[in-house]
Amino acid sequence: MFRSRSTLGAVCAVAVVVLAAVGVVLRGGPGGATDALAATTAGCGRAASLSSGTHTIQSGGTGRTYILRVPDNYDGDHPYRLVFGFHWNGGTAGDVDGGGTSGYPWSYYGLRALAGNTTVFVAPQGIGNGWANTGGRDLTFVDDMVRELEGGLCIDTTQLFAAGFSYGGAMSYAIACARATVFRAVAVYSGGQLSGCSGGTQPIAYIGLHGLRDPVLNISQGRAMRDTFVRANGCTAQNPPEPAQGSLTHVVTTYSGCRSGYPVAWAAFDAGHTPGPVDGSSGDYEPGERSWTRPVVWNFFTQFSSGGPTSPPVSGSPSTPGGQQSGPIRGQASGRCLDVPNASTANGTQLQLYDCNGRTNQRFTATSNRQLQVYGTKCLDASNRGTSNGTAVIIWDCNGQTNQQWNVNANGTITGVQSGLCLDANGAGTANGTKLILWSCTGGGNQQWNRS
């Protein structure tokens, strides 16, 4: 988590086609997903000319820098989503990229860990560690970065996103106002109108997140910025519900009536000036990896497929790109939930059955590449890549290997992709503390699971 407080707070039926700088791709991407109708760039179909690290670019006669993160398994034939992460006042590109004291789990406001190797991330550096956007210079910088990135990498031009906190939120808002035909969606964490709004009349998907007790940029500023896009997106005006002060909770509302594919969402929370609030805590500097904002923003961004815009609901239990929800996995025989004992985040912790309580250690997200994630960064895993009866089912850092891939089947079973074995409550147990293992599928109730 950061430690600096802000003070300013045409369809082509071919496998891979690249037509000059813009083309259309129909192919399988990472995780087996199909990139349908992805508008691609000049960087596609060849080796990358840009790599992860710090880059300098001339923009408006000034040398500007940005940090780039290219997926480890980068494929020059696959068009990637591109996410910009803007720092706060007094912060740096390094703070956004590095994730502060939380490290990788909070890199790019926690989105990088959730993305795995599916997304290109960019952290630009503001002049004077801010985003005054004087004379539109920072928007020009964004334009120049987009041009360079699309020339050097394979980018899906329909999948550009911006996210930022405080002054970085202001810059993301400026992008929403002025570059709505370039960017697909923005996330504004605790922002204010500090970087201008040239435009603001064209629709763009927009999510705003703001604390009720923000002492730096009052929540009224966040509401006003949100309402710019309530109007631009043709949404039905409303006063969305917000949590009571002292509740230490959050409420996420998706507006009704919005133009198809251009939702507006509003996440209000009972805390102060922070991009990483944690329910049950009044602090502004909680570990970012514990924050509910990570899956909410990630799922808001990833709801937009390359085949065209969609607008499924956003809630405290957001839908994943595959349409499955983040939530508990309940045993049919026991009525108890998959649970990480003692809310441990340690690699190797074996899962158990326990009374359902709705806490984060019982909330699992089925991702598009068949992972079952908990805490956003840990995956359900067959211990030591085991494929035999009795293999412990544990949590481990998500790594994309087949022992971390699962089929959630219509018959209620959950089977390991690598082993073909079923997720099983050991010994047909139903009591709290019963360990979870892999076992040959028998059709028993201890191998039947409900995603609710």
Protein backbone atom coordinates (compact mmCIF):
# COMPACT_ATOMS: atom_id res chain seq x y z
CA MET A 1 0.00 0.00 0.00
CA PHE A 2 1.21 3.54 -0.68
CA ARG A 3 2.34 5.75 2.17
CA SER A 4 2.18 9.24 0.61
CA ARG A 5 -0.97 11.23 1.45
CA SER A 6 -2.28 13.36 -1.42
CA THR A 7 -2.44 17.04 -0.76
CA LEU A 8 -4.57 18.00 -3.83
CA GLY A 9 -5.91 15.51 -3.68
CA ALA A 10 -15.81 -4.94 -40.67
CA VAL A 11 -15.33 -8.71 -39.96
CA CYS A 12 -12.51 -10.75 -41.64
CA ALA A 13 -12.81 -14.56 -41.50
CA VAL A 14 -9.14 -15.34 -41.08
CA ALA A 15 -7.04 -16.63 -38.24
CA VAL A 16 -4.73 -13.64 -37.90
CA VAL A 17 -4.91 -10.51 -40.03
CA VAL A 18 -2.99 -7.32 -39.70
CA LEU A 19 -3.97 -4.57 -42.13
CA ALA A 20 -1.43 -1.77 -41.97
CA ALA A 21 -1.76 -0.16 -38.55
CA VAL A 22 -5.26 -1.46 -37.82
CA GLY A 23 -6.65 -4.98 -38.40
CA VAL A 24 -9.06 -7.60 -37.17
CA VAL A 25 -8.09 -10.76 -35.30
CA LEU A 26 -10.02 -13.98 -34.67
CA ARG A 27 -7.88 -16.31 -32.59
CA GLY A 28 -7.43 -17.98 -29.22
CA GLY A 29 -5.71 -15.86 -26.62
CA PRO A 30 -4.23 -16.57 -23.20
CA GLY A 31 -6.51 -18.76 -21.14
CA GLY A 32 -8.26 -20.07 -24.25
CA ALA A 33 -10.44 -16.99 -24.71
CA THR A 34 -11.19 -15.86 -28.26
CA ASP A 35 -10.29 -12.35 -29.30
CA ALA A 36 -13.27 -11.69 -31.56
CA LEU A 37 -13.18 -8.55 -33.66
CA ALA A 38 -10.20 -7.13 -31.83
CA ALA A 39 -9.00 -3.93 -33.50
CA THR A 40 -5.24 -4.39 -33.59
CA THR A 41 -2.20 -2.21 -34.03
CA ALA A 42 0.97 -1.98 -36.11
CA GLY A 43 2.79 -3.80 -33.32
CA CYS A 44 0.89 -7.03 -34.01
CA GLY A 45 2.35 -9.92 -35.99
CA ARG A 46 5.97 -9.20 -35.09
CA ALA A 47 8.36 -9.23 -32.17
CA ALA A 48 7.84 -6.56 -29.54
CA SER A 49 10.03 -3.47 -29.88
CA LEU A 50 9.24 -2.37 -26.33
CA SER A 51 10.04 -4.24 -23.12
CA SER A 52 9.22 -3.92 -19.45
CA GLY A 53 11.02 -1.11 -17.66
CA THR A 54 11.34 2.66 -17.68
CA HIS A 55 11.05 4.47 -21.02
CA THR A 56 11.62 8.08 -22.04
CA ILE A 57 9.60 9.76 -24.77
CA GLN A 58 9.62 13.26 -26.23
CA SER A 59 6.26 14.94 -25.74
CA GLY A 60 5.60 18.60 -26.43
CA GLY A 61 9.34 19.24 -26.54
CA THR A 62 9.89 17.72 -23.10
CA GLY A 63 11.37 14.38 -22.11
CA ARG A 64 8.69 12.42 -20.27
CA THR A 65 9.00 8.98 -18.69
CA TYR A 66 6.74 6.01 -18.08
CA ILE A 67 7.13 2.51 -16.64
CA LEU A 68 5.93 -0.35 -18.84
CA ARG A 69 4.93 -3.87 -17.81
CA VAL A 70 4.66 -6.36 -20.70
CA PRO A 71 3.23 -9.83 -19.93
CA ASP A 72 5.91 -12.45 -19.30
CA ASN A 73 4.39 -14.74 -21.95
CA TYR A 74 3.87 -11.92 -24.48
CA ASP A 75 2.53 -13.15 -27.84
CA GLY A 76 2.95 -10.75 -30.76
CA ASP A 77 -0.11 -12.22 -32.46
CA HIS A 78 -2.42 -11.58 -29.51
CA PRO A 79 -3.96 -8.10 -29.04
CA TYR A 80 -3.65 -7.09 -25.39
CA ARG A 81 -5.70 -4.93 -23.10
CA LEU A 82 -3.83 -1.76 -22.08
CA VAL A 83 -4.27 -0.18 -18.65
CA PHE A 84 -2.77 3.15 -17.56
CA GLY A 85 -2.25 3.73 -13.83
CA PHE A 86 -1.84 7.37 -12.75
CA HIS A 87 -0.18 8.31 -9.46
CA TRP A 88 -1.46 10.72 -6.84
CA ASN A 89 -0.08 14.16 -5.97
CA GLY A 90 3.45 13.72 -4.70
CA GLY A 91 3.46 10.09 -5.79
CA THR A 92 5.45 8.58 -8.63
CA ALA A 93 5.12 6.10 -11.47
CA GLY A 94 7.30 3.83 -9.36
CA ASP A 95 4.80 3.93 -6.52
CA VAL A 96 2.00 2.77 -8.83
CA ASP A 97 4.14 0.12 -10.53
CA GLY A 98 5.75 -1.15 -7.33
CA GLY A 99 2.61 -1.26 -5.19
CA GLY A 100 4.21 0.51 -2.22
CA THR A 101 4.54 -1.44 1.01
CA SER A 102 2.13 -4.12 -0.28
CA GLY A 103 4.26 -4.77 -3.37
CA TYR A 104 2.97 -6.81 -6.30
CA PRO A 105 -0.54 -7.45 -4.90
CA TRP A 106 -1.21 -3.68 -4.99
CA SER A 107 0.73 -2.88 -8.20
CA TYR A 108 -1.46 -0.68 -10.41
CA TYR A 109 -4.04 -0.42 -7.64
CA GLY A 110 -4.12 -4.22 -7.39
CA LEU A 111 -5.15 -4.76 -11.01
CA ARG A 112 -1.86 -6.23 -12.21
CA ALA A 113 -2.07 -9.23 -9.88
CA LEU A 114 -5.65 -9.91 -10.95
CA ALA A 115 -4.69 -9.66 -14.64
CA GLY A 116 -1.97 -12.28 -14.49
CA ASN A 117 -0.30 -12.17 -17.91
CA THR A 118 -3.28 -10.90 -19.91
CA THR A 119 -2.71 -7.14 -19.87
CA VAL A 120 -0.10 -4.48 -20.66
CA PHE A 121 0.27 -1.93 -17.86
CA VAL A 122 1.72 1.59 -18.02
CA ALA A 123 2.53 3.97 -15.19
CA PRO A 124 3.26 7.50 -16.49
CA GLN A 125 5.22 10.05 -14.48
CA GLY A 126 3.65 13.45 -13.94
CA ILE A 127 5.57 16.72 -14.08
CA GLY A 128 6.30 17.81 -10.53
CA ASN A 129 4.73 14.55 -9.41
CA GLY A 130 1.30 15.91 -10.39
CA TRP A 131 -1.16 16.16 -13.27
CA ALA A 132 -1.89 19.86 -13.74
CA ASN A 133 -2.35 19.20 -17.49
CA THR A 134 -1.38 22.79 -18.22
CA GLY A 135 -2.32 23.63 -21.81
CA GLY A 136 -3.33 19.99 -22.27
CA ARG A 137 0.30 18.83 -21.99
CA ASP A 138 -0.54 15.67 -20.03
CA LEU A 139 -3.24 14.66 -22.50
CA THR A 140 -0.66 15.13 -25.26
CA PHE A 141 1.70 12.90 -23.24
CA VAL A 142 -1.03 10.23 -23.09
CA ASP A 143 -1.54 10.52 -26.86
CA ASP A 144 2.18 10.12 -27.46
CA MET A 145 2.42 7.09 -25.17
CA VAL A 146 -0.56 5.42 -26.85
CA ARG A 147 1.06 6.00 -30.26
CA GLU A 148 4.38 4.54 -29.13
CA LEU A 149 2.82 1.55 -27.37
CA GLU A 150 0.54 0.68 -30.29
CA GLY A 151 3.55 0.83 -32.63
CA GLY A 152 5.74 -1.38 -30.46
CA LEU A 153 3.26 -3.87 -29.04
CA CYS A 154 0.15 -5.76 -30.13
CA ILE A 155 -2.66 -3.78 -28.50
CA ASP A 156 -6.41 -4.14 -28.83
CA THR A 157 -7.44 -0.55 -29.57
CA THR A 158 -10.93 -1.18 -28.17
CA GLN A 159 -9.48 -2.11 -24.77
CA LEU A 160 -7.72 0.98 -23.37
CA PHE A 161 -8.39 1.87 -19.75
CA ALA A 162 -7.22 4.46 -17.23
CA ALA A 163 -7.25 4.35 -13.44
CA GLY A 164 -5.89 6.78 -10.90
CA PHE A 165 -6.15 7.98 -7.31
CA SER A 166 -6.59 11.59 -6.20
CA TYR A 167 -4.62 13.74 -8.68
CA GLY A 168 -4.32 10.55 -10.78
CA GLY A 169 -8.10 10.25 -10.56
CA ALA A 170 -8.34 13.81 -11.84
CA MET A 171 -6.15 12.86 -14.80
CA SER A 172 -8.27 9.79 -15.49
CA TYR A 173 -11.33 12.05 -15.45
CA ALA A 174 -9.64 14.43 -17.93
CA ILE A 175 -9.08 11.41 -20.21
CA ALA A 176 -12.75 10.45 -19.89
CA CYS A 177 -13.74 13.98 -20.91
CA ALA A 178 -11.31 14.43 -23.81
CA ARG A 179 -10.48 10.93 -25.08
CA ALA A 180 -13.79 9.05 -24.82
CA THR A 181 -13.36 7.71 -28.37
CA VAL A 182 -9.90 6.33 -27.51
CA PHE A 183 -10.38 4.85 -24.03
CA ARG A 184 -13.07 2.27 -23.21
CA ALA A 185 -13.48 3.02 -19.52
CA VAL A 186 -11.92 4.86 -16.60
CA ALA A 187 -11.83 4.36 -12.85
CA VAL A 188 -11.56 7.48 -10.68
CA TYR A 189 -10.51 6.81 -7.09
CA SER A 190 -11.21 9.73 -4.76
CA GLY A 191 -10.68 12.30 -7.49
CA GLY A 192 -11.42 15.96 -8.08
CA GLN A 193 -11.54 18.17 -11.15
CA LEU A 194 -7.90 19.21 -10.96
CA SER A 195 -6.71 18.33 -14.50
CA GLY A 196 -9.58 19.92 -16.43
CA CYS A 197 -12.40 18.50 -18.51
CA SER A 198 -12.15 19.36 -22.19
CA GLY A 199 -15.39 17.83 -23.48
CA GLY A 200 -17.29 15.51 -21.19
CA THR A 201 -20.21 15.11 -23.59
CA GLN A 202 -19.31 11.79 -25.25
CA PRO A 203 -20.12 8.47 -23.57
CA ILE A 204 -17.44 6.37 -21.89
CA ALA A 205 -17.83 3.65 -19.27
CA TYR A 206 -17.13 5.26 -15.89
CA ILE A 207 -16.71 4.06 -12.32
CA GLY A 208 -16.12 6.46 -9.49
CA LEU A 209 -15.04 5.43 -5.99
CA HIS A 210 -15.04 7.91 -3.10
CA GLY A 211 -14.97 8.01 0.68
CA LEU A 212 -17.71 9.66 2.70
CA ARG A 213 -15.16 11.16 5.08
CA ASP A 214 -12.56 12.28 2.51
CA PRO A 215 -10.83 15.30 4.08
CA VAL A 216 -8.73 16.10 0.97
CA LEU A 217 -11.19 15.97 -1.94
CA ASN A 218 -14.73 16.03 -0.63
CA ILE A 219 -17.08 13.34 -1.89
CA SER A 220 -19.24 16.08 -3.44
CA GLN A 221 -16.50 16.51 -6.04
CA GLY A 222 -16.62 12.80 -6.88
CA ARG A 223 -20.39 12.95 -7.21
CA ALA A 224 -20.19 15.92 -9.59
CA MET A 225 -17.61 14.18 -11.78
CA ARG A 226 -19.75 11.02 -11.84
CA ASP A 227 -22.80 13.03 -12.88
CA THR A 228 -20.96 14.37 -15.94
CA PHE A 229 -21.07 10.83 -17.33
CA VAL A 230 -24.51 10.02 -15.97
CA ARG A 231 -25.60 12.73 -18.42
CA ALA A 232 -23.19 11.87 -21.25
CA ASN A 233 -24.10 8.17 -21.08
CA GLY A 234 -27.84 8.88 -20.97
CA CYS A 235 -28.33 7.21 -17.60
CA THR A 236 -31.37 7.75 -15.43
CA ALA A 237 -30.51 10.36 -12.81
CA GLN A 238 -30.69 9.17 -9.22
CA ASN A 239 -29.20 9.62 -5.79
CA PRO A 240 -27.51 6.24 -5.37
CA PRO A 241 -27.46 4.73 -1.87
CA GLU A 242 -24.36 5.27 0.22
CA PRO A 243 -23.32 3.58 3.47
CA ALA A 244 -23.98 5.21 6.80
CA GLN A 245 -21.08 6.95 8.48
CA GLY A 246 -19.65 4.65 11.09
CA SER A 247 -20.70 1.51 9.21
CA LEU A 248 -17.21 0.97 7.77
CA THR A 249 -18.81 -0.63 4.69
CA HIS A 250 -19.22 0.17 1.00
CA VAL A 251 -22.09 0.27 -1.49
CA VAL A 252 -21.65 -0.17 -5.26
CA THR A 253 -24.46 1.04 -7.51
CA THR A 254 -24.80 0.60 -11.28
CA TYR A 255 -27.02 3.25 -12.84
CA SER A 256 -30.04 2.19 -14.87
CA GLY A 257 -31.05 3.52 -18.29
CA CYS A 258 -27.49 4.07 -19.54
CA ARG A 259 -26.68 3.78 -23.23
CA SER A 260 -25.94 0.13 -24.03
CA GLY A 261 -22.32 -0.65 -23.32
CA TYR A 262 -21.63 2.56 -21.42
CA PRO A 263 -22.43 1.91 -17.75
CA VAL A 264 -21.82 4.28 -14.89
CA ALA A 265 -21.04 2.78 -11.49
CA TRP A 266 -20.61 4.54 -8.16
CA ALA A 267 -18.83 3.01 -5.18
CA ALA A 268 -19.19 4.97 -1.96
CA PHE A 269 -17.41 3.82 1.19
CA ASP A 270 -17.20 4.85 4.80
CA ALA A 271 -13.56 5.91 5.03
CA GLY A 272 -11.30 8.78 4.08
CA HIS A 273 -8.93 9.64 1.25
CA THR A 274 -7.75 6.27 -0.06
CA PRO A 275 -7.92 4.04 -3.15
CA GLY A 276 -7.81 0.88 -1.02
CA PRO A 277 -10.50 0.96 1.67
CA VAL A 278 -11.10 -2.23 3.64
CA ASP A 279 -14.52 -2.98 5.09
CA GLY A 280 -14.45 -2.97 8.85
CA SER A 281 -11.51 -0.58 9.03
CA SER A 282 -11.45 3.19 9.32
CA GLY A 283 -7.80 3.48 8.28
CA ASP A 284 -6.63 4.96 5.00
CA TYR A 285 -3.44 2.88 4.81
CA GLU A 286 -4.69 -0.68 5.07
CA PRO A 287 -2.87 -3.34 2.99
CA GLY A 288 -4.15 -2.77 -0.55
CA GLU A 289 -4.45 -6.47 -1.31
CA ARG A 290 -7.27 -6.66 1.24
CA SER A 291 -9.36 -4.00 -0.46
CA TRP A 292 -12.65 -4.75 -2.22
CA THR A 293 -11.80 -2.06 -4.83
CA ARG A 294 -9.47 -4.44 -6.68
CA PRO A 295 -12.09 -6.96 -7.95
CA VAL A 296 -14.75 -4.26 -8.37
CA VAL A 297 -12.60 -2.15 -10.71
CA TRP A 298 -11.04 -5.15 -12.47
CA ASN A 299 -14.43 -6.67 -13.22
CA PHE A 300 -15.77 -3.30 -14.37
CA PHE A 301 -12.93 -3.09 -16.91
CA THR A 302 -12.99 -6.72 -18.04
CA GLN A 303 -16.74 -6.83 -18.67
CA PHE A 304 -16.06 -5.24 -22.08
CA SER A 305 -15.27 -7.95 -24.64
CA SER A 306 -13.50 -7.29 -27.94
CA GLY A 307 -16.67 -8.34 -29.76
CA GLY A 308 -18.44 -5.22 -28.57
CA PRO A 309 -19.58 -3.43 -25.44
CA THR A 310 -21.77 -5.02 -22.84
CA SER A 311 -22.97 -3.74 -19.53
CA PRO A 312 -23.60 -6.44 -16.91
CA PRO A 313 -24.24 -5.29 -13.35
CA VAL A 314 -21.44 -4.28 -11.04
CA SER A 315 -21.88 -5.04 -7.38
CA GLY A 316 -20.02 -5.86 -4.22
CA SER A 317 -19.87 -9.42 -5.61
CA PRO A 318 -18.89 -8.56 -9.18
CA SER A 319 -19.27 -10.85 -12.16
CA THR A 320 -16.11 -12.17 -13.75
CA PRO A 321 -15.49 -12.02 -17.53
CA GLY A 322 -16.88 -15.54 -17.85
CA GLY A 323 -20.11 -14.46 -16.17
CA GLN A 324 -19.47 -16.34 -12.90
CA GLN A 325 -19.68 -14.53 -9.62
CA SER A 326 -17.25 -14.02 -6.85
CA GLY A 327 -18.63 -15.71 -3.77
CA PRO A 328 -18.80 -18.80 -1.58
CA ILE A 329 -18.58 -22.44 -2.72
CA ARG A 330 -20.95 -24.46 -0.55
CA GLY A 331 -20.88 -28.24 -0.05
CA GLN A 332 -24.22 -29.90 -0.81
CA ALA A 333 -23.80 -32.60 1.79
CA SER A 334 -22.46 -30.40 4.57
CA GLY A 335 -24.02 -27.01 3.84
CA ARG A 336 -20.62 -25.60 4.83
CA CYS A 337 -18.30 -23.46 2.72
CA LEU A 338 -14.81 -23.83 1.30
CA ASP A 339 -12.69 -21.95 3.78
CA VAL A 340 -9.05 -20.91 4.11
CA PRO A 341 -8.32 -21.64 7.77
CA ASN A 342 -7.77 -18.60 9.95
CA ALA A 343 -7.93 -16.38 6.84
CA SER A 344 -4.33 -17.40 6.16
CA THR A 345 -2.61 -16.10 3.04
CA ALA A 346 0.34 -18.48 3.36
CA ASN A 347 1.20 -20.68 0.38
CA GLY A 348 0.40 -24.32 1.13
CA THR A 349 -2.54 -23.71 3.45
CA GLN A 350 -4.98 -26.61 2.97
CA LEU A 351 -8.64 -25.73 2.50
CA GLN A 352 -11.33 -26.96 4.85
CA LEU A 353 -15.10 -26.93 5.32
CA TYR A 354 -16.41 -24.31 7.73
CA ASP A 355 -19.64 -22.55 8.59
CA CYS A 356 -20.38 -19.98 5.87
CA ASN A 357 -19.69 -16.43 7.04
CA GLY A 358 -19.24 -14.35 3.85
CA ARG A 359 -15.69 -13.31 4.71
CA THR A 360 -12.94 -12.88 2.14
CA ASN A 361 -11.33 -16.24 2.99
CA GLN A 362 -14.55 -17.91 1.72
CA ARG A 363 -14.99 -15.82 -1.45
CA PHE A 364 -13.72 -17.51 -4.62
CA THR A 365 -13.72 -16.04 -8.12
CA ALA A 366 -13.84 -18.29 -11.20
CA THR A 367 -11.67 -16.56 -13.80
CA SER A 368 -11.72 -16.84 -17.59
CA ASN A 369 -8.62 -19.07 -17.49
CA ARG A 370 -10.28 -21.56 -15.10
CA GLN A 371 -8.64 -20.47 -11.89
CA LEU A 372 -10.51 -20.28 -8.60
CA GLN A 373 -9.00 -17.26 -6.90
CA VAL A 374 -9.22 -16.11 -3.32
CA TYR A 375 -7.90 -12.77 -2.04
CA GLY A 376 -7.34 -11.86 -5.72
CA THR A 377 -3.82 -13.31 -5.85
CA LYS A 378 -4.06 -16.85 -4.43
CA CYS A 379 -5.40 -19.82 -6.40
CA LEU A 380 -6.93 -23.16 -5.54
CA ASP A 381 -4.05 -25.58 -6.18
CA ALA A 382 -3.38 -29.34 -6.23
CA SER A 383 -0.45 -29.63 -3.84
CA ASN A 384 2.86 -30.49 -5.52
CA ARG A 385 0.97 -30.85 -8.83
CA GLY A 386 -0.49 -34.08 -7.44
CA THR A 387 -2.83 -36.23 -9.54
CA SER A 388 -3.53 -39.06 -7.10
CA ASN A 389 -6.36 -39.69 -4.67
CA GLY A 390 -5.79 -37.84 -1.44
CA THR A 391 -3.82 -34.92 -2.90
CA ALA A 392 -4.33 -31.93 -0.64
CA VAL A 393 -6.17 -28.94 -2.10
CA ILE A 394 -4.32 -25.81 -1.02
CA ILE A 395 -3.89 -22.15 -1.87
CA TRP A 396 -0.80 -20.91 -3.71
CA ASP A 397 0.29 -17.84 -5.62
CA CYS A 398 -1.53 -17.90 -8.98
CA ASN A 399 0.88 -19.09 -11.70
CA GLY A 400 -1.33 -20.30 -14.59
CA GLN A 401 -0.25 -23.95 -14.32
CA THR A 402 -2.77 -26.73 -14.94
CA ASN A 403 -2.79 -27.85 -11.31
CA GLN A 404 -4.44 -24.51 -10.64
CA GLN A 405 -7.12 -24.91 -13.31
CA TRP A 406 -10.58 -26.26 -12.54
CA ASN A 407 -13.77 -27.17 -14.38
CA VAL A 408 -16.90 -26.01 -12.59
CA ASN A 409 -19.35 -28.56 -14.00
CA ALA A 410 -23.11 -28.45 -14.52
CA ASN A 411 -23.52 -31.62 -12.39
CA GLY A 412 -22.20 -29.81 -9.33
CA THR A 413 -18.70 -31.25 -9.32
CA ILE A 414 -15.48 -29.27 -9.52
CA THR A 415 -12.71 -31.23 -11.29
CA GLY A 416 -9.02 -30.54 -11.67
CA VAL A 417 -7.99 -29.91 -15.28
CA GLN A 418 -4.65 -31.67 -14.77
CA SER A 419 -5.85 -34.66 -12.73
CA GLY A 420 -9.50 -35.09 -13.74
CA LEU A 421 -10.22 -35.80 -10.07
CA CYS A 422 -13.02 -34.22 -8.07
CA LEU A 423 -12.85 -31.68 -5.28
CA ASP A 424 -13.79 -33.83 -2.29
CA ALA A 425 -14.55 -33.39 1.40
CA ASN A 426 -12.22 -35.94 2.96
CA GLY A 427 -13.94 -39.07 4.30
CA ALA A 428 -17.36 -37.69 3.28
CA GLY A 429 -16.98 -35.41 6.29
CA THR A 430 -19.44 -32.62 6.99
CA ALA A 431 -17.99 -31.11 10.16
CA ASN A 432 -16.10 -27.87 10.53
CA GLY A 433 -12.44 -28.45 9.81
CA THR A 434 -12.96 -31.29 7.31
CA LYS A 435 -10.03 -31.09 4.88
CA LEU A 436 -10.45 -30.71 1.10
CA ILE A 437 -8.68 -33.19 -1.16
CA LEU A 438 -8.75 -34.60 -4.69
CA TRP A 439 -10.48 -37.97 -5.20
CA SER A 440 -11.88 -40.08 -8.03
CA CYS A 441 -15.35 -38.82 -8.88
CA THR A 442 -18.04 -40.91 -7.25
CA GLY A 443 -21.16 -38.75 -7.51
CA GLY A 444 -21.35 -38.49 -3.72
CA GLY A 445 -22.74 -35.43 -1.96
CA ASN A 446 -19.29 -34.66 -0.57
CA GLN A 447 -18.22 -33.95 -4.17
CA GLN A 448 -21.19 -31.72 -5.01
CA TRP A 449 -20.82 -27.96 -4.73
CA ASN A 450 -23.04 -24.91 -5.12
CA ARG A 451 -21.72 -21.51 -6.24
CA SER A 452 -23.95 -19.52 -3.94
